[in-house]
Amino acid sequence: MHISSLIVHARPGIEARFRAHLSALEGVELHAVADDGRMIITMESADDAAIRITYEAIERLDGVLSVAMVYHQVESDPDKEI
């Protein structure tokens, strides 16, 4: 399991539209929104390729000014450990 957190800076006033776009992305959760358009988002996925694809999808959303990954962690699957 891959877990990442992002700080997204978007144009102020697009929160409702942005939430709608994020809800279509699997494993994405919006946690906080500031008045100036900054948002804290987490992503969860089974692999790093899906994290990259989701990151790039967020980056391409209309109104997004910047995206910065601030945290990434890989949790092992206890069923697959020896």
N, C-alpha and C. Protein backbone atom coordinates (compact mmCIF):
# COMPACT_ATOMS: atom_id res chain seq x y z
N MET A 1 0.84 -1.17 0.00
CA MET A 1 0.00 0.00 0.00
C MET A 1 0.90 1.24 0.00
N HIS A 2 0.66 2.12 -0.95
CA HIS A 2 1.38 3.38 -1.04
C HIS A 2 0.45 4.49 -0.56
N ILE A 3 0.99 5.34 0.31
CA ILE A 3 0.24 6.47 0.85
C ILE A 3 1.05 7.73 0.61
N SER A 4 0.42 8.73 0.00
CA SER A 4 1.10 9.99 -0.28
C SER A 4 0.21 11.15 0.15
N SER A 5 0.85 12.26 0.50
CA SER A 5 0.09 13.48 0.76
C SER A 5 0.62 14.58 -0.15
N LEU A 6 -0.30 15.44 -0.56
CA LEU A 6 0.02 16.52 -1.48
C LEU A 6 -0.48 17.84 -0.93
N ILE A 7 0.21 18.89 -1.29
CA ILE A 7 -0.32 20.24 -1.14
C ILE A 7 -0.58 20.73 -2.55
N VAL A 8 -1.83 21.06 -2.81
CA VAL A 8 -2.25 21.55 -4.11
C VAL A 8 -2.60 23.02 -3.96
N HIS A 9 -2.10 23.83 -4.86
CA HIS A 9 -2.47 25.25 -4.89
C HIS A 9 -3.27 25.47 -6.16
N ALA A 10 -4.52 25.89 -5.96
CA ALA A 10 -5.42 26.12 -7.08
C ALA A 10 -5.98 27.54 -6.99
N ARG A 11 -6.55 27.99 -8.10
CA ARG A 11 -7.19 29.31 -8.08
C ARG A 11 -8.29 29.30 -7.03
N PRO A 12 -8.38 30.33 -6.22
CA PRO A 12 -9.46 30.41 -5.23
C PRO A 12 -10.82 30.40 -5.94
N GLY A 13 -11.81 29.80 -5.27
CA GLY A 13 -13.16 29.79 -5.79
C GLY A 13 -13.53 28.59 -6.64
N ILE A 14 -12.61 27.64 -6.81
CA ILE A 14 -12.94 26.47 -7.65
C ILE A 14 -13.15 25.22 -6.80
N GLU A 15 -13.29 25.39 -5.49
CA GLU A 15 -13.34 24.24 -4.58
C GLU A 15 -14.43 23.24 -4.95
N ALA A 16 -15.65 23.68 -5.23
CA ALA A 16 -16.74 22.76 -5.53
C ALA A 16 -16.44 21.94 -6.79
N ARG A 17 -15.97 22.59 -7.82
CA ARG A 17 -15.63 21.88 -9.07
C ARG A 17 -14.45 20.94 -8.85
N PHE A 18 -13.48 21.41 -8.06
CA PHE A 18 -12.29 20.61 -7.78
C PHE A 18 -12.68 19.35 -6.99
N ARG A 19 -13.56 19.50 -5.99
CA ARG A 19 -14.04 18.35 -5.21
C ARG A 19 -14.71 17.31 -6.13
N ALA A 20 -15.49 17.79 -7.08
CA ALA A 20 -16.17 16.89 -8.01
C ALA A 20 -15.16 16.09 -8.84
N HIS A 21 -14.11 16.76 -9.31
CA HIS A 21 -13.08 16.07 -10.08
C HIS A 21 -12.34 15.05 -9.21
N LEU A 22 -12.03 15.44 -7.96
CA LEU A 22 -11.30 14.53 -7.07
C LEU A 22 -12.12 13.30 -6.72
N SER A 23 -13.43 13.47 -6.60
CA SER A 23 -14.27 12.33 -6.23
C SER A 23 -14.24 11.24 -7.31
N ALA A 24 -13.88 11.61 -8.52
CA ALA A 24 -13.80 10.64 -9.61
C ALA A 24 -12.47 9.86 -9.58
N LEU A 25 -11.52 10.31 -8.78
CA LEU A 25 -10.21 9.65 -8.70
C LEU A 25 -10.20 8.67 -7.53
N GLU A 26 -9.87 7.43 -7.82
CA GLU A 26 -9.86 6.40 -6.78
C GLU A 26 -8.74 6.61 -5.78
N GLY A 27 -9.06 6.47 -4.49
CA GLY A 27 -8.06 6.55 -3.43
C GLY A 27 -7.64 7.95 -3.05
N VAL A 28 -8.38 8.97 -3.49
CA VAL A 28 -8.02 10.36 -3.22
C VAL A 28 -8.99 10.94 -2.20
N GLU A 29 -8.44 11.67 -1.23
CA GLU A 29 -9.28 12.32 -0.23
C GLU A 29 -8.79 13.75 0.01
N LEU A 30 -9.71 14.69 0.01
CA LEU A 30 -9.43 16.10 0.28
C LEU A 30 -9.65 16.33 1.77
N HIS A 31 -8.63 16.86 2.46
CA HIS A 31 -8.71 17.02 3.91
C HIS A 31 -8.93 18.45 4.36
N ALA A 32 -8.35 19.40 3.66
CA ALA A 32 -8.46 20.79 4.10
C ALA A 32 -8.32 21.72 2.91
N VAL A 33 -9.02 22.87 2.99
CA VAL A 33 -8.96 23.89 1.95
C VAL A 33 -8.80 25.25 2.62
N ALA A 34 -7.80 26.01 2.19
CA ALA A 34 -7.60 27.37 2.69
C ALA A 34 -8.26 28.37 1.75
N ASP A 35 -8.54 29.55 2.25
CA ASP A 35 -9.20 30.59 1.45
C ASP A 35 -8.40 30.98 0.21
N ASP A 36 -7.08 30.82 0.26
CA ASP A 36 -6.25 31.22 -0.87
C ASP A 36 -6.09 30.12 -1.93
N GLY A 37 -6.80 28.99 -1.75
CA GLY A 37 -6.76 27.93 -2.75
C GLY A 37 -5.83 26.78 -2.45
N ARG A 38 -5.12 26.82 -1.34
CA ARG A 38 -4.26 25.69 -0.97
C ARG A 38 -5.10 24.57 -0.39
N MET A 39 -4.74 23.33 -0.74
CA MET A 39 -5.50 22.16 -0.30
C MET A 39 -4.55 21.05 0.12
N ILE A 40 -4.98 20.28 1.10
CA ILE A 40 -4.23 19.10 1.53
C ILE A 40 -5.01 17.87 1.06
N ILE A 41 -4.31 17.01 0.34
CA ILE A 41 -4.92 15.83 -0.26
C ILE A 41 -4.07 14.62 0.08
N THR A 42 -4.73 13.48 0.32
CA THR A 42 -4.00 12.22 0.45
C THR A 42 -4.42 11.28 -0.67
N MET A 43 -3.49 10.41 -1.03
CA MET A 43 -3.74 9.40 -2.05
C MET A 43 -3.30 8.06 -1.49
N GLU A 44 -4.08 7.02 -1.77
CA GLU A 44 -3.71 5.64 -1.41
C GLU A 44 -3.84 4.77 -2.64
N SER A 45 -2.87 3.89 -2.81
CA SER A 45 -2.87 3.01 -3.98
C SER A 45 -2.07 1.76 -3.69
N ALA A 46 -2.31 0.76 -4.49
CA ALA A 46 -1.59 -0.51 -4.34
C ALA A 46 -0.15 -0.42 -4.85
N ASP A 47 0.13 0.51 -5.76
CA ASP A 47 1.48 0.59 -6.31
C ASP A 47 1.87 2.03 -6.64
N ASP A 48 3.16 2.23 -6.87
CA ASP A 48 3.66 3.59 -7.12
C ASP A 48 3.25 4.11 -8.49
N ALA A 49 2.99 3.24 -9.45
CA ALA A 49 2.56 3.70 -10.77
C ALA A 49 1.20 4.39 -10.68
N ALA A 50 0.30 3.82 -9.90
CA ALA A 50 -1.03 4.43 -9.73
C ALA A 50 -0.93 5.77 -9.01
N ILE A 51 -0.02 5.88 -8.05
CA ILE A 51 0.20 7.16 -7.36
C ILE A 51 0.66 8.20 -8.37
N ARG A 52 1.59 7.84 -9.23
CA ARG A 52 2.11 8.78 -10.24
C ARG A 52 1.00 9.20 -11.21
N ILE A 53 0.21 8.26 -11.65
CA ILE A 53 -0.88 8.57 -12.59
C ILE A 53 -1.90 9.51 -11.94
N THR A 54 -2.24 9.26 -10.69
CA THR A 54 -3.20 10.11 -9.97
C THR A 54 -2.61 11.49 -9.75
N TYR A 55 -1.33 11.57 -9.36
CA TYR A 55 -0.65 12.84 -9.17
C TYR A 55 -0.73 13.67 -10.46
N GLU A 56 -0.41 13.04 -11.57
CA GLU A 56 -0.43 13.75 -12.86
C GLU A 56 -1.84 14.17 -13.25
N ALA A 57 -2.85 13.36 -12.90
CA ALA A 57 -4.24 13.73 -13.19
C ALA A 57 -4.65 14.96 -12.39
N ILE A 58 -4.24 15.04 -11.14
CA ILE A 58 -4.53 16.22 -10.31
C ILE A 58 -3.82 17.43 -10.87
N GLU A 59 -2.58 17.24 -11.26
CA GLU A 59 -1.77 18.32 -11.82
C GLU A 59 -2.41 18.94 -13.06
N ARG A 60 -3.11 18.12 -13.85
CA ARG A 60 -3.72 18.59 -15.10
C ARG A 60 -5.11 19.21 -14.92
N LEU A 61 -5.69 19.14 -13.72
CA LEU A 61 -7.03 19.69 -13.52
C LEU A 61 -7.05 21.19 -13.76
N ASP A 62 -8.10 21.66 -14.38
CA ASP A 62 -8.25 23.08 -14.67
C ASP A 62 -8.25 23.88 -13.37
N GLY A 63 -7.45 24.91 -13.32
CA GLY A 63 -7.38 25.78 -12.15
C GLY A 63 -6.26 25.45 -11.19
N VAL A 64 -5.59 24.31 -11.38
CA VAL A 64 -4.48 23.93 -10.50
C VAL A 64 -3.24 24.71 -10.90
N LEU A 65 -2.66 25.40 -9.93
CA LEU A 65 -1.44 26.18 -10.17
C LEU A 65 -0.18 25.38 -9.88
N SER A 66 -0.22 24.56 -8.82
CA SER A 66 0.94 23.73 -8.49
C SER A 66 0.52 22.56 -7.61
N VAL A 67 1.33 21.50 -7.68
CA VAL A 67 1.11 20.32 -6.85
C VAL A 67 2.47 19.93 -6.28
N ALA A 68 2.52 19.69 -4.98
CA ALA A 68 3.77 19.26 -4.35
C ALA A 68 3.51 18.05 -3.46
N MET A 69 4.23 16.96 -3.73
CA MET A 69 4.14 15.80 -2.86
C MET A 69 5.01 16.08 -1.65
N VAL A 70 4.44 15.95 -0.47
CA VAL A 70 5.19 16.24 0.74
C VAL A 70 5.48 14.99 1.57
N TYR A 71 4.83 13.89 1.22
CA TYR A 71 5.02 12.66 2.00
C TYR A 71 4.68 11.47 1.12
N HIS A 72 5.46 10.41 1.27
CA HIS A 72 5.16 9.15 0.59
C HIS A 72 5.65 8.02 1.48
N GLN A 73 4.78 7.04 1.70
CA GLN A 73 5.13 5.90 2.54
C GLN A 73 4.65 4.63 1.87
N VAL A 74 5.42 3.57 2.02
CA VAL A 74 5.03 2.27 1.51
C VAL A 74 4.81 1.35 2.70
N GLU A 75 3.59 0.86 2.80
CA GLU A 75 3.23 -0.11 3.85
C GLU A 75 3.33 -1.50 3.24
N SER A 76 3.98 -2.41 3.94
CA SER A 76 4.08 -3.77 3.42
C SER A 76 2.77 -4.51 3.65
N ASP A 77 2.56 -5.54 2.85
CA ASP A 77 1.39 -6.40 2.97
C ASP A 77 1.77 -7.54 3.92
N PRO A 78 1.19 -7.58 5.12
CA PRO A 78 1.59 -8.62 6.08
C PRO A 78 1.31 -10.03 5.57
N ASP A 79 0.37 -10.20 4.67
CA ASP A 79 0.06 -11.52 4.12
C ASP A 79 1.17 -12.01 3.19
N LYS A 80 1.98 -11.09 2.66
CA LYS A 80 3.04 -11.47 1.74
C LYS A 80 4.42 -11.52 2.40
N GLU A 81 4.49 -11.16 3.68
CA GLU A 81 5.78 -11.21 4.39
C GLU A 81 6.06 -12.61 4.87
N ILE A 82 7.32 -12.92 5.00
CA ILE A 82 7.74 -14.25 5.46
C ILE A 82 7.65 -14.31 6.98
